[in-house]
């Protein structure tokens, strides 16, 4: 461990009982934390256990990934989603299916974060990429899959219209994730955020810009075993 290491209690109070209280363990948001802090948290999770479920390290850069691997060498790392998961294998799926849509390939990192989150929280998932409204036939070709899902995550930048379109076609609730993809007037995701909040179709819930973890978590809760 690097010089100057301090125990995690000096900068983080891990919520080891969250899995028992809520059914899902606490996630570790890495952005803004030093690699040494993330490594100390990983060591504490390894020593204490999770109380059930998977440990998710979100918004993890390369140095965070190396720090986690030093303590949890079998952790799964998805660089595109900036996510690490430990244990590396998802649990046996239960509950309903979650469908995750990325409007464009540029939205894939956020969609992938949502997919992996829902999968490691115990849901079967299907991911479809590049199905934005500029080619509506691509969405219509997925109708059987979408209508079989218990919850649907839509990650979209630009105008963010895909969430409203999908919600008008399916019975399941739609979790909309505005992404920071788009030209200047998209304002780093603000334009799709406002579009999604103003969705004409009912049944759309909106999470924060680029918050794939929050979207995947909410979808997993919606699709949990009844």
C-alpha atoms as a PDB file:
ATOM      1  CA  UNK A   1       0.000   0.000   0.000  1.00  0.00           C
ATOM      2  CA  UNK A   2       1.244   3.488  -0.803  1.00  0.00           C
ATOM      3  CA  UNK A   3       2.843   5.646   1.883  1.00  0.00           C
ATOM      4  CA  UNK A   4       0.314   7.842   3.625  1.00  0.00           C
ATOM      5  CA  UNK A   5      -2.427   5.220   3.401  1.00  0.00           C
ATOM      6  CA  UNK A   6      -5.215   5.756   5.892  1.00  0.00           C
ATOM      7  CA  UNK A   7      -7.943   3.327   6.913  1.00  0.00           C
ATOM      8  CA  UNK A   8     -11.221   3.749   5.024  1.00  0.00           C
ATOM      9  CA  UNK A   9     -13.017   4.949   8.151  1.00  0.00           C
ATOM     10  CA  UNK A  10     -11.023   8.191   7.879  1.00  0.00           C
ATOM     11  CA  UNK A  11     -12.622   9.094   4.523  1.00  0.00           C
ATOM     12  CA  UNK A  12     -15.526   6.672   3.953  1.00  0.00           C
ATOM     13  CA  UNK A  13     -18.082   4.888   6.101  1.00  0.00           C
ATOM     14  CA  UNK A  14     -19.063   1.734   4.237  1.00  0.00           C
ATOM     15  CA  UNK A  15     -22.696   0.712   4.530  1.00  0.00           C
ATOM     16  CA  UNK A  16     -22.219  -3.028   5.025  1.00  0.00           C
ATOM     17  CA  UNK A  17     -25.851  -3.537   6.056  1.00  0.00           C
ATOM     18  CA  UNK A  18     -27.395  -2.019   2.946  1.00  0.00           C
ATOM     19  CA  UNK A  19     -27.934  -5.401   1.257  1.00  0.00           C
ATOM     20  CA  UNK A  20     -29.926  -6.631   4.262  1.00  0.00           C
ATOM     21  CA  UNK A  21     -31.852  -3.363   4.474  1.00  0.00           C
ATOM     22  CA  UNK A  22     -32.576  -2.750   0.789  1.00  0.00           C
ATOM     23  CA  UNK A  23     -31.753  -5.997  -0.990  1.00  0.00           C
ATOM     24  CA  UNK A  24     -28.799  -4.483  -2.862  1.00  0.00           C
ATOM     25  CA  UNK A  25     -25.311  -3.618  -1.565  1.00  0.00           C
ATOM     26  CA  UNK A  26     -23.714  -0.192  -1.680  1.00  0.00           C
ATOM     27  CA  UNK A  27     -21.907   0.875  -4.852  1.00  0.00           C
ATOM     28  CA  UNK A  28     -18.563   2.709  -4.785  1.00  0.00           C
ATOM     29  CA  UNK A  29     -18.451   5.888  -6.889  1.00  0.00           C
ATOM     30  CA  UNK A  30     -14.785   6.218  -7.831  1.00  0.00           C
ATOM     31  CA  UNK A  31     -14.685   9.589  -9.568  1.00  0.00           C
ATOM     32  CA  UNK A  32     -13.229  12.146  -7.188  1.00  0.00           C
ATOM     33  CA  UNK A  33     -11.611   9.461  -5.034  1.00  0.00           C
ATOM     34  CA  UNK A  34      -7.888   8.770  -5.176  1.00  0.00           C
ATOM     35  CA  UNK A  35      -6.699   5.312  -6.256  1.00  0.00           C
ATOM     36  CA  UNK A  36      -5.391   4.784  -2.720  1.00  0.00           C
ATOM     37  CA  UNK A  37      -8.818   5.507  -1.254  1.00  0.00           C
ATOM     38  CA  UNK A  38     -10.499   3.130  -3.704  1.00  0.00           C
ATOM     39  CA  UNK A  39      -7.943   0.438  -2.933  1.00  0.00           C
ATOM     40  CA  UNK A  40      -8.572   0.774   0.807  1.00  0.00           C
ATOM     41  CA  UNK A  41     -12.329   0.474   0.225  1.00  0.00           C
ATOM     42  CA  UNK A  42     -11.801  -2.612  -1.939  1.00  0.00           C
ATOM     43  CA  UNK A  43      -9.660  -4.177   0.785  1.00  0.00           C
ATOM     44  CA  UNK A  44     -12.359  -3.539   3.370  1.00  0.00           C
ATOM     45  CA  UNK A  45     -15.030  -5.075   1.132  1.00  0.00           C
ATOM     46  CA  UNK A  46     -12.842  -8.132   0.602  1.00  0.00           C
ATOM     47  CA  UNK A  47     -12.299  -8.552   4.313  1.00  0.00           C
ATOM     48  CA  UNK A  48     -15.832  -7.821   5.452  1.00  0.00           C
ATOM     49  CA  UNK A  49     -17.874  -9.340   2.650  1.00  0.00           C
ATOM     50  CA  UNK A  50     -20.926  -7.885   0.965  1.00  0.00           C
ATOM     51  CA  UNK A  51     -23.805  -9.429   2.807  1.00  0.00           C
ATOM     52  CA  UNK A  52     -25.080 -10.673  -0.542  1.00  0.00           C
ATOM     53  CA  UNK A  53     -24.926  -9.309  -4.069  1.00  0.00           C
ATOM     54  CA  UNK A  54     -22.123  -7.699  -6.030  1.00  0.00           C
ATOM     55  CA  UNK A  55     -19.802  -4.794  -5.296  1.00  0.00           C
ATOM     56  CA  UNK A  56     -19.950  -2.232  -8.103  1.00  0.00           C
ATOM     57  CA  UNK A  57     -17.197   0.344  -8.589  1.00  0.00           C
ATOM     58  CA  UNK A  58     -18.627   3.002 -10.906  1.00  0.00           C
ATOM     59  CA  UNK A  59     -16.964   5.819 -12.861  1.00  0.00           C
ATOM     60  CA  UNK A  60     -13.642   4.041 -12.463  1.00  0.00           C
ATOM     61  CA  UNK A  61     -10.655   5.298 -14.447  1.00  0.00           C
ATOM     62  CA  UNK A  62      -7.592   3.186 -15.302  1.00  0.00           C
ATOM     63  CA  UNK A  63      -5.813   4.011 -12.031  1.00  0.00           C
ATOM     64  CA  UNK A  64      -8.912   3.122 -10.026  1.00  0.00           C
ATOM     65  CA  UNK A  65      -9.132  -0.174 -11.928  1.00  0.00           C
ATOM     66  CA  UNK A  66      -5.541  -1.026 -11.067  1.00  0.00           C
ATOM     67  CA  UNK A  67      -6.167  -0.150  -7.419  1.00  0.00           C
ATOM     68  CA  UNK A  68      -9.209  -2.425  -7.221  1.00  0.00           C
ATOM     69  CA  UNK A  69      -7.349  -5.242  -8.994  1.00  0.00           C
ATOM     70  CA  UNK A  70      -4.586  -5.044  -6.385  1.00  0.00           C
ATOM     71  CA  UNK A  71      -7.105  -6.110  -3.720  1.00  0.00           C
ATOM     72  CA  UNK A  72      -9.705  -7.964  -5.807  1.00  0.00           C
ATOM     73  CA  UNK A  73      -7.707  -9.532  -8.648  1.00  0.00           C
ATOM     74  CA  UNK A  74     -10.708 -11.438  -9.982  1.00  0.00           C
ATOM     75  CA  UNK A  75     -12.891  -8.330 -10.270  1.00  0.00           C
ATOM     76  CA  UNK A  76     -14.385  -7.830 -13.725  1.00  0.00           C
ATOM     77  CA  UNK A  77     -13.446  -4.567 -15.449  1.00  0.00           C
ATOM     78  CA  UNK A  78     -15.379  -3.036 -18.344  1.00  0.00           C
ATOM     79  CA  UNK A  79     -13.301  -0.021 -19.455  1.00  0.00           C
ATOM     80  CA  UNK A  80     -16.006   1.312 -21.784  1.00  0.00           C
ATOM     81  CA  UNK A  81     -18.597   1.404 -19.010  1.00  0.00           C
ATOM     82  CA  UNK A  82     -15.954   2.538 -16.497  1.00  0.00           C
ATOM     83  CA  UNK A  83     -17.269  -0.162 -14.183  1.00  0.00           C
ATOM     84  CA  UNK A  84     -15.731  -2.889 -12.041  1.00  0.00           C
ATOM     85  CA  UNK A  85     -17.734  -5.708 -10.511  1.00  0.00           C
ATOM     86  CA  UNK A  86     -16.826  -8.170  -7.777  1.00  0.00           C
ATOM     87  CA  UNK A  87     -17.515 -11.093  -7.726  1.00  0.00           C
ATOM     88  CA  UNK A  88     -17.009 -11.166 -11.490  1.00  0.00           C
ATOM     89  CA  UNK A  89     -19.868 -13.470 -12.460  1.00  0.00           C
ATOM     90  CA  UNK A  90     -23.478 -12.257 -12.228  1.00  0.00           C
ATOM     91  CA  UNK A  91     -25.927 -14.244 -10.122  1.00  0.00           C
ATOM     92  CA  UNK A  92     -28.483 -16.580 -11.617  1.00  0.00           C
ATOM     93  CA  UNK A  93     -31.147 -14.293 -13.117  1.00  0.00           C
ATOM     94  CA  UNK A  94     -34.464 -13.925 -11.343  1.00  0.00           C
ATOM     95  CA  UNK A  95     -37.503 -11.752 -11.828  1.00  0.00           C
ATOM     96  CA  UNK A  96     -38.353 -10.138 -15.150  1.00  0.00           C
ATOM     97  CA  UNK A  97     -36.170  -9.286 -18.111  1.00  0.00           C
ATOM     98  CA  UNK A  98     -34.581  -5.847 -18.619  1.00  0.00           C
ATOM     99  CA  UNK A  99     -34.063  -4.435 -22.109  1.00  0.00           C
ATOM    100  CA  UNK A 100     -31.422  -1.740 -22.542  1.00  0.00           C
ATOM    101  CA  UNK A 101     -31.354   0.460 -25.642  1.00  0.00           C
ATOM    102  CA  UNK A 102     -28.549   2.751 -26.773  1.00  0.00           C
ATOM    103  CA  UNK A 103     -29.928   5.258 -29.265  1.00  0.00           C
ATOM    104  CA  UNK A 104     -26.527   5.549 -30.941  1.00  0.00           C
ATOM    105  CA  UNK A 105     -23.143   3.903 -30.645  1.00  0.00           C
ATOM    106  CA  UNK A 106     -21.919   7.015 -28.817  1.00  0.00           C
ATOM    107  CA  UNK A 107     -24.483   6.279 -26.094  1.00  0.00           C
ATOM    108  CA  UNK A 108     -23.129   2.756 -25.602  1.00  0.00           C
ATOM    109  CA  UNK A 109     -20.885   3.452 -22.557  1.00  0.00           C
ATOM    110  CA  UNK A 110     -23.865   4.689 -20.542  1.00  0.00           C
ATOM    111  CA  UNK A 111     -26.113   1.896 -21.801  1.00  0.00           C
ATOM    112  CA  UNK A 112     -23.443  -0.677 -21.010  1.00  0.00           C
ATOM    113  CA  UNK A 113     -23.141   0.647 -17.452  1.00  0.00           C
ATOM    114  CA  UNK A 114     -26.913   0.242 -17.076  1.00  0.00           C
ATOM    115  CA  UNK A 115     -26.876  -3.248 -18.548  1.00  0.00           C
ATOM    116  CA  UNK A 116     -24.045  -4.518 -16.344  1.00  0.00           C
ATOM    117  CA  UNK A 117     -25.608  -2.967 -13.258  1.00  0.00           C
ATOM    118  CA  UNK A 118     -28.973  -4.648 -13.845  1.00  0.00           C
ATOM    119  CA  UNK A 119     -27.307  -7.942 -14.765  1.00  0.00           C
ATOM    120  CA  UNK A 120     -25.163  -8.039 -11.624  1.00  0.00           C
ATOM    121  CA  UNK A 121     -28.190  -7.115  -9.514  1.00  0.00           C
ATOM    122  CA  UNK A 122     -29.770 -10.341 -10.713  1.00  0.00           C
ATOM    123  CA  UNK A 123     -31.766  -9.570 -13.853  1.00  0.00           C
ATOM    124  CA  UNK A 124     -31.576 -11.098 -17.302  1.00  0.00           C
ATOM    125  CA  UNK A 125     -30.715  -8.335 -19.774  1.00  0.00           C
ATOM    126  CA  UNK A 126     -30.699  -7.702 -23.490  1.00  0.00           C
ATOM    127  CA  UNK A 127     -28.757  -4.817 -25.022  1.00  0.00           C
ATOM    128  CA  UNK A 128     -29.570  -3.244 -28.395  1.00  0.00           C
ATOM    129  CA  UNK A 129     -27.330  -0.554 -29.886  1.00  0.00           C
ATOM    130  CA  UNK A 130     -27.862   2.108 -32.549  1.00  0.00           C
ATOM    131  CA  UNK A 131     -31.659   2.056 -32.564  1.00  0.00           C
ATOM    132  CA  UNK A 132     -32.305   5.806 -32.513  1.00  0.00           C
ATOM    133  CA  UNK A 133     -35.338   7.537 -33.980  1.00  0.00           C
ATOM    134  CA  UNK A 134     -33.508   8.589 -37.148  1.00  0.00           C
ATOM    135  CA  UNK A 135     -34.220   5.034 -38.315  1.00  0.00           C
ATOM    136  CA  UNK A 136     -37.524   4.194 -36.668  1.00  0.00           C
ATOM    137  CA  UNK A 137     -37.660   0.792 -38.373  1.00  0.00           C
ATOM    138  CA  UNK A 138     -34.816  -0.316 -36.105  1.00  0.00           C
ATOM    139  CA  UNK A 139     -36.956   0.249 -33.011  1.00  0.00           C
ATOM    140  CA  UNK A 140     -40.011  -1.370 -34.573  1.00  0.00           C
ATOM    141  CA  UNK A 141     -37.909  -4.433 -35.375  1.00  0.00           C
ATOM    142  CA  UNK A 142     -37.341  -4.900 -31.624  1.00  0.00           C
ATOM    143  CA  UNK A 143     -40.986  -4.769 -30.568  1.00  0.00           C
ATOM    144  CA  UNK A 144     -41.234  -8.438 -29.565  1.00  0.00           C
ATOM    145  CA  UNK A 145     -38.170  -8.082 -27.340  1.00  0.00           C
ATOM    146  CA  UNK A 146     -39.350  -4.796 -25.849  1.00  0.00           C
ATOM    147  CA  UNK A 147     -42.860  -6.017 -25.123  1.00  0.00           C
ATOM    148  CA  UNK A 148     -41.477  -9.066 -23.331  1.00  0.00           C
ATOM    149  CA  UNK A 149     -39.397  -6.913 -20.954  1.00  0.00           C
ATOM    150  CA  UNK A 150     -40.501  -5.967 -17.446  1.00  0.00           C
ATOM    151  CA  UNK A 151     -38.449  -2.747 -17.576  1.00  0.00           C
ATOM    152  CA  UNK A 152     -36.678  -0.875 -20.366  1.00  0.00           C
ATOM    153  CA  UNK A 153     -33.700   1.455 -20.126  1.00  0.00           C
ATOM    154  CA  UNK A 154     -33.241   4.002 -22.928  1.00  0.00           C
ATOM    155  CA  UNK A 155     -29.901   5.834 -23.139  1.00  0.00           C
ATOM    156  CA  UNK A 156     -30.101   8.701 -25.630  1.00  0.00           C
ATOM    157  CA  UNK A 157     -28.401  12.006 -26.298  1.00  0.00           C
ATOM    158  CA  UNK A 158     -29.088  14.531 -29.060  1.00  0.00           C
ATOM    159  CA  UNK A 159     -32.861  15.195 -28.834  1.00  0.00           C
ATOM    160  CA  UNK A 160     -33.554  12.309 -26.418  1.00  0.00           C
ATOM    161  CA  UNK A 161     -36.722  11.399 -28.334  1.00  0.00           C
ATOM    162  CA  UNK A 162     -36.236   7.629 -28.211  1.00  0.00           C
ATOM    163  CA  UNK A 163     -37.535   7.304 -24.649  1.00  0.00           C
ATOM    164  CA  UNK A 164     -40.915   8.820 -25.510  1.00  0.00           C
ATOM    165  CA  UNK A 165     -41.208   6.752 -28.691  1.00  0.00           C
ATOM    166  CA  UNK A 166     -40.490   3.496 -26.864  1.00  0.00           C
ATOM    167  CA  UNK A 167     -42.852   4.324 -24.003  1.00  0.00           C
ATOM    168  CA  UNK A 168     -45.655   4.772 -26.520  1.00  0.00           C
ATOM    169  CA  UNK A 169     -45.150   1.241 -27.843  1.00  0.00           C
ATOM    170  CA  UNK A 170     -44.749  -0.967 -24.777  1.00  0.00           C
ATOM    171  CA  UNK A 171     -46.524  -1.805 -21.504  1.00  0.00           C
ATOM    172  CA  UNK A 172     -43.375  -1.754 -19.358  1.00  0.00           C
ATOM    173  CA  UNK A 173     -42.054   1.346 -17.589  1.00  0.00           C
ATOM    174  CA  UNK A 174     -39.190   3.116 -19.341  1.00  0.00           C
ATOM    175  CA  UNK A 175     -36.161   4.401 -17.448  1.00  0.00           C
ATOM    176  CA  UNK A 176     -34.714   7.223 -19.539  1.00  0.00           C
ATOM    177  CA  UNK A 177     -31.050   8.207 -19.326  1.00  0.00           C
ATOM    178  CA  UNK A 178     -30.080  11.450 -21.061  1.00  0.00           C
ATOM    179  CA  UNK A 179     -26.491  11.265 -22.253  1.00  0.00           C
ATOM    180  CA  UNK A 180     -24.014  14.073 -22.857  1.00  0.00           C
ATOM    181  CA  UNK A 181     -23.801  13.115 -26.544  1.00  0.00           C
ATOM    182  CA  UNK A 182     -24.608  15.773 -29.140  1.00  0.00           C
ATOM    183  CA  UNK A 183     -23.614  19.044 -30.713  1.00  0.00           C
ATOM    184  CA  UNK A 184     -23.546  22.398 -28.921  1.00  0.00           C
ATOM    185  CA  UNK A 185     -27.280  22.930 -28.485  1.00  0.00           C
ATOM    186  CA  UNK A 186     -27.519  19.597 -26.660  1.00  0.00           C
ATOM    187  CA  UNK A 187     -25.755  21.464 -23.806  1.00  0.00           C
ATOM    188  CA  UNK A 188     -23.926  18.396 -22.523  1.00  0.00           C
ATOM    189  CA  UNK A 189     -27.103  16.380 -22.032  1.00  0.00           C
ATOM    190  CA  UNK A 190     -29.410  19.127 -20.816  1.00  0.00           C
ATOM    191  CA  UNK A 191     -31.497  19.124 -24.011  1.00  0.00           C
ATOM    192  CA  UNK A 192     -32.281  15.375 -23.897  1.00  0.00           C
ATOM    193  CA  UNK A 193     -32.884  15.649 -20.145  1.00  0.00           C
ATOM    194  CA  UNK A 194     -35.581  18.262 -20.699  1.00  0.00           C
ATOM    195  CA  UNK A 195     -37.057  16.286 -23.603  1.00  0.00           C
ATOM    196  CA  UNK A 196     -37.323  13.186 -21.455  1.00  0.00           C
ATOM    197  CA  UNK A 197     -38.852  15.095 -18.556  1.00  0.00           C
ATOM    198  CA  UNK A 198     -41.433  16.449 -21.006  1.00  0.00           C
ATOM    199  CA  UNK A 199     -42.179  13.051 -22.551  1.00  0.00           C
ATOM    200  CA  UNK A 200     -45.708  12.888 -23.932  1.00  0.00           C
ATOM    201  CA  UNK A 201     -46.003   9.135 -23.356  1.00  0.00           C
ATOM    202  CA  UNK A 202     -46.739   8.168 -19.727  1.00  0.00           C
ATOM    203  CA  UNK A 203     -44.600   5.696 -17.857  1.00  0.00           C
ATOM    204  CA  UNK A 204     -41.215   7.393 -18.312  1.00  0.00           C
ATOM    205  CA  UNK A 205     -38.908   7.900 -15.320  1.00  0.00           C
ATOM    206  CA  UNK A 206     -35.780  10.000 -15.857  1.00  0.00           C
ATOM    207  CA  UNK A 207     -32.413   9.684 -14.107  1.00  0.00           C
ATOM    208  CA  UNK A 208     -29.528  12.110 -14.205  1.00  0.00           C
ATOM    209  CA  UNK A 209     -27.343  12.804 -17.233  1.00  0.00           C
ATOM    210  CA  UNK A 210     -25.040   9.839 -18.027  1.00  0.00           C
ATOM    211  CA  UNK A 211     -26.250   7.970 -14.921  1.00  0.00           C
ATOM    212  CA  UNK A 212     -26.243   4.454 -16.333  1.00  0.00           C
ATOM    213  CA  UNK A 213     -25.793   2.983 -12.876  1.00  0.00           C
ATOM    214  CA  UNK A 214     -28.917   4.685 -11.538  1.00  0.00           C
ATOM    215  CA  UNK A 215     -30.935   3.593 -14.564  1.00  0.00           C
ATOM    216  CA  UNK A 216     -29.801  -0.020 -14.347  1.00  0.00           C
ATOM    217  CA  UNK A 217     -30.469  -0.121 -10.614  1.00  0.00           C
ATOM    218  CA  UNK A 218     -33.986   1.268 -10.977  1.00  0.00           C
ATOM    219  CA  UNK A 219     -34.763  -1.141 -13.821  1.00  0.00           C
ATOM    220  CA  UNK A 220     -33.496  -4.065 -11.711  1.00  0.00           C
ATOM    221  CA  UNK A 221     -35.782  -3.016  -8.863  1.00  0.00           C
ATOM    222  CA  UNK A 222     -38.771  -2.685 -11.190  1.00  0.00           C
ATOM    223  CA  UNK A 223     -38.085  -6.132 -12.642  1.00  0.00           C
ATOM    224  CA  UNK A 224     -37.405  -7.799  -9.270  1.00  0.00           C
ATOM    225  CA  UNK A 225     -39.280 -11.011  -8.440  1.00  0.00           C
ATOM    226  CA  UNK A 226     -42.814 -10.238  -7.380  1.00  0.00           C
END
